[in-house]
Structure formats: structure tokens, C-alpha cells
Protein backbone atom coordinates (compact mmCIF):
# COMPACT_ATOMS: atom_id res chain seq x y z
CA UNK A 1 120.63 146.27 -49.21
CA UNK A 2 123.90 147.75 -48.18
CA UNK A 3 126.35 149.97 -50.03
CA UNK A 4 129.90 148.82 -49.73
CA UNK A 5 133.20 150.50 -50.48
CA UNK A 6 135.75 147.69 -50.86
CA UNK A 7 139.40 148.22 -51.01
CA UNK A 8 141.88 145.90 -52.72
CA UNK A 9 145.09 144.40 -51.36
CA UNK A 10 148.66 145.19 -52.17
CA UNK A 11 148.68 143.11 -55.42
CA UNK A 12 146.05 145.65 -56.83
CA UNK A 13 142.46 145.34 -57.98
CA UNK A 14 142.76 141.73 -59.21
CA UNK A 15 140.13 139.63 -60.89
CA UNK A 16 139.69 137.79 -57.65
CA UNK A 17 138.69 140.96 -55.74
CA UNK A 18 136.29 141.82 -58.39
CA UNK A 19 134.90 138.27 -58.20
CA UNK A 20 134.45 138.64 -54.35
CA UNK A 21 132.56 141.95 -55.00
CA UNK A 22 130.47 140.30 -57.61
CA UNK A 23 129.32 137.73 -55.06
CA UNK A 24 128.01 140.59 -52.90
CA UNK A 25 126.41 142.32 -55.82
CA UNK A 26 124.65 139.05 -56.75
CA UNK A 27 122.96 139.18 -53.43
CA UNK A 28 121.70 142.68 -54.22
CA UNK A 29 124.30 144.87 -52.56
CA UNK A 30 125.93 147.80 -54.20
CA UNK A 31 129.74 147.36 -54.22
CA UNK A 32 132.31 149.97 -55.22
CA UNK A 33 135.78 148.71 -55.93
CA UNK A 34 138.09 151.78 -56.32
CA UNK A 35 141.52 151.15 -57.85
CA UNK A 36 144.12 152.65 -55.61
CA UNK A 37 146.96 151.54 -57.86
CA UNK A 38 145.90 153.24 -61.13
CA UNK A 39 145.18 149.88 -62.91
CA UNK A 40 148.41 148.24 -61.78
CA UNK A 41 148.43 144.75 -60.55
CA UNK A 42 151.41 142.61 -59.33
CA UNK A 43 151.89 138.86 -59.67
CA UNK A 44 153.45 138.48 -56.17
CA UNK A 45 153.01 140.00 -52.77
CA UNK A 46 156.54 141.12 -52.75
CA UNK A 47 156.19 143.09 -55.96
CA UNK A 48 152.99 144.69 -54.81
CA UNK A 49 154.58 145.67 -51.44
CA UNK A 50 157.58 147.22 -53.28
CA UNK A 51 155.27 149.33 -55.33
CA UNK A 52 153.21 150.37 -52.27
CA UNK A 53 156.32 151.46 -50.45
CA UNK A 54 157.31 153.51 -53.53
CA UNK A 55 153.99 155.24 -53.61
CA UNK A 56 153.82 155.46 -49.86
CA UNK A 57 151.32 153.91 -47.47
CA UNK A 58 150.21 157.40 -46.39
CA UNK A 59 149.31 158.34 -50.01
CA UNK A 60 147.49 154.98 -50.50
CA UNK A 61 145.55 155.76 -47.26
CA UNK A 62 144.69 159.23 -48.49
CA UNK A 63 143.47 157.87 -51.82
CA UNK A 64 141.27 155.43 -50.11
CA UNK A 65 139.78 158.08 -47.79
CA UNK A 66 139.29 160.40 -50.80
CA UNK A 67 137.11 157.69 -52.53
CA UNK A 68 134.52 158.02 -49.70
CA UNK A 69 134.19 161.82 -49.90
CA UNK A 70 131.58 161.79 -52.62
CA UNK A 71 129.53 158.95 -51.07
CA UNK A 72 126.87 158.94 -48.44
CA UNK A 73 128.21 158.35 -44.99
CA UNK A 74 125.94 155.22 -44.15
CA UNK A 75 128.00 152.62 -46.00
CA UNK A 76 129.93 149.65 -45.07
CA UNK A 77 133.74 149.84 -45.50
CA UNK A 78 135.58 146.64 -46.48
CA UNK A 79 139.24 145.82 -47.23
CA UNK A 80 141.67 143.02 -47.98
CA UNK A 81 145.06 143.28 -46.27
CA UNK A 82 146.45 146.66 -47.26
CA UNK A 83 142.97 147.72 -48.14
CA UNK A 84 141.97 147.22 -44.44
CA UNK A 85 143.91 150.44 -43.76
CA UNK A 86 141.47 152.81 -45.45
CA UNK A 87 138.46 150.64 -44.60
CA UNK A 88 139.24 150.63 -40.90
CA UNK A 89 140.15 154.38 -40.77
CA UNK A 90 136.89 155.31 -42.49
CA UNK A 91 134.79 152.92 -40.25
CA UNK A 92 136.38 154.46 -37.18
CA UNK A 93 136.41 158.18 -38.16
CA UNK A 94 133.60 158.91 -40.64
CA UNK A 95 130.40 159.67 -38.86
CA UNK A 96 127.52 157.47 -39.95
CA UNK A 97 129.58 154.37 -40.93
CA UNK A 98 127.17 151.35 -41.21
CA UNK A 99 129.83 148.71 -40.66
CA UNK A 100 133.30 147.28 -41.55
CA UNK A 101 134.56 143.99 -42.98
CA UNK A 102 138.31 143.46 -42.56
CA UNK A 103 140.00 140.54 -44.36
CA UNK A 104 143.63 139.49 -43.83
CA UNK A 105 144.40 142.36 -41.59
CA UNK A 106 143.41 144.36 -38.56
CA UNK A 107 144.99 147.53 -37.16
CA UNK A 108 145.17 148.39 -33.49
CA UNK A 109 142.10 150.58 -32.75
CA UNK A 110 144.48 153.27 -31.56
CA UNK A 111 145.93 153.64 -34.97
CA UNK A 112 142.83 155.68 -36.02
CA UNK A 113 141.34 156.90 -32.80
CA UNK A 114 141.02 156.08 -29.09
CA UNK A 115 138.32 153.34 -29.47
CA UNK A 116 135.99 151.62 -31.94
CA UNK A 117 132.91 153.74 -32.51
CA UNK A 118 129.75 152.69 -30.70
CA UNK A 119 127.16 150.86 -32.76
CA UNK A 120 129.41 150.20 -35.70
CA UNK A 121 129.59 146.43 -36.21
CA UNK A 122 132.73 144.88 -37.58
CA UNK A 123 133.86 141.48 -38.90
CA UNK A 124 137.50 140.33 -39.04
CA UNK A 125 138.47 137.37 -41.22
CA UNK A 126 141.96 135.70 -41.34
CA UNK A 127 143.80 132.44 -41.42
CA UNK A 128 144.99 131.16 -38.07
CA UNK A 129 148.51 130.39 -39.27
CA UNK A 130 149.03 133.13 -41.93
CA UNK A 131 152.44 134.66 -40.93
CA UNK A 132 151.29 138.06 -42.09
CA UNK A 133 148.03 137.97 -40.03
CA UNK A 134 148.74 135.65 -37.03
CA UNK A 135 152.39 136.65 -36.47
CA UNK A 136 152.29 140.26 -37.68
CA UNK A 137 150.21 141.68 -34.83
CA UNK A 138 146.91 141.68 -36.79
CA UNK A 139 145.44 138.72 -34.92
CA UNK A 140 146.26 140.37 -31.55
CA UNK A 141 144.65 143.62 -32.82
CA UNK A 142 141.50 141.73 -33.94
CA UNK A 143 141.26 139.96 -30.61
CA UNK A 144 141.72 143.32 -28.71
CA UNK A 145 138.91 144.75 -30.99
CA UNK A 146 136.64 141.84 -30.08
CA UNK A 147 137.31 142.57 -26.45
CA UNK A 148 136.64 146.20 -26.83
CA UNK A 149 133.17 146.14 -28.34
CA UNK A 150 130.17 143.80 -28.38
CA UNK A 151 129.74 144.66 -32.05
CA UNK A 152 132.90 142.77 -33.34
CA UNK A 153 133.25 139.27 -34.66
CA UNK A 154 136.57 137.43 -35.40
CA UNK A 155 136.50 134.49 -37.76
CA UNK A 156 139.66 132.36 -38.07
CA UNK A 157 140.15 129.79 -40.84
CA UNK A 158 142.55 126.93 -40.82
CA UNK A 159 145.52 127.63 -43.02
CA UNK A 160 148.76 129.57 -43.43
CA UNK A 161 148.21 131.67 -46.57
CA UNK A 162 147.68 135.43 -46.99
CA UNK A 163 144.93 136.69 -49.40
CA UNK A 164 143.11 133.45 -49.16
CA UNK A 165 139.82 135.04 -50.53
CA UNK A 166 141.20 136.17 -53.86
CA UNK A 167 140.33 133.58 -56.35
CA UNK A 168 142.82 134.83 -58.94
CA UNK A 169 145.93 134.17 -56.70
CA UNK A 170 147.63 130.85 -55.96
CA UNK A 171 146.92 131.52 -52.23
CA UNK A 172 143.24 131.10 -52.81
CA UNK A 173 141.33 128.81 -50.47
CA UNK A 174 137.96 127.99 -51.89
CA UNK A 175 136.36 126.54 -48.79
CA UNK A 176 137.53 129.49 -46.60
CA UNK A 177 136.31 131.97 -49.24
CA UNK A 178 132.93 130.44 -49.54
CA UNK A 179 132.63 130.48 -45.70
CA UNK A 180 133.80 134.19 -45.67
CA UNK A 181 131.34 135.28 -48.32
CA UNK A 182 128.48 133.51 -46.51
CA UNK A 183 129.49 135.21 -43.16
CA UNK A 184 129.80 138.59 -44.81
CA UNK A 185 126.35 138.22 -46.44
CA UNK A 186 124.92 137.26 -43.10
CA UNK A 187 126.56 140.36 -41.60
CA UNK A 188 125.20 142.65 -44.34
CA UNK A 189 121.68 141.19 -43.88
CA UNK A 190 121.79 142.17 -40.20
CA UNK A 191 122.60 145.79 -40.84
CA UNK A 192 119.05 146.66 -42.03
């Protein structure tokens, strides 16, 4: 079973993120869900983004990276939207990373290094018409990632919402979430 460090999105550590983590826990995996917002959650993406800008994305990234310091290196890093930032950085830069799961976002590999690390599998999940993902450069970054390594998978779901896999938000898409969870569990089972 895998150990996973899962980072929340810009609306905070919502009940929907905890529910997603619980699905992975129910399959026997250990999932840590650090709260990078000090118990703050926000009802809208805009309010969460305003808070994140006030705190600073660099500070949020540093908080996420610090969460990994006390953990073994051979873990899976996962993130939703803003949480992809520390997840992807750790997967790319921390020696021994076991894998990465990136939902609703993907940064260009060059953001955290010169290439994706050899032997580190990664999945990217997003909606094909989500303005944040499809039009914000994330989809292009995910496609580039898939082209750069044989260890990357990109899964696109029909729809135009962001944060589709958070069951506590109005943007939740049950069918896409179930498919994502199934694909993530399959991914984790292949890690050994």
C-alpha cells in the first residue's frame, strides 16, 4: 500500500477533499492531508484565490514542501488545483518520490527543473473544457509532460468545471470523480 501526501485546492481543506482521501484510505492506503490554510476554507474559488494571493503562493508552496520534510521519501505526492504546486515540485525534486497524481492543474515541467524525473509515474486529471485547466495552460503542460516521459498518463473528462472531484462543492461531478478515484486506485496498485 502507498503512502500519499495530498494537498488541497485554493478553497482549503474542504470536506470533499477529506472524502476523496477517505476513498483512498478505504483501499488500504495511508493518506496525509495537510492544511496549508490554517483551518480556513472559502465558499468560492474567488475568495480562496484572494486569500492565497494575500498569503503568497511562494509561502503556500513552502508550507507544502515543509510538510514532506518529516516523511519518508518514497511516497506519492497528490494535489488538487493549487495543491498541484507543492505536489508536482516534490515529485520532481525530492529524491525517492514514488509517484504523483495531479488533479485540475499541471505546471510546465520547467517550473521545477529541467525534466520529469526518470522512473516517477504521474497521472494528470482534468476536465476538457474547464477554463482554468484547458485554457489556462495546464492542459498544454500536461500534454507536454505526457510527451516527455513514458511514465505519464493524462485523463480528460467531459465538462467545463474546475474542482470537479470535490464532493462538497457545487462544481462536483460524481461520474468523473468515481472514474478518477478508480484510475488513481489502479495507479497506486501498480506502484508496488
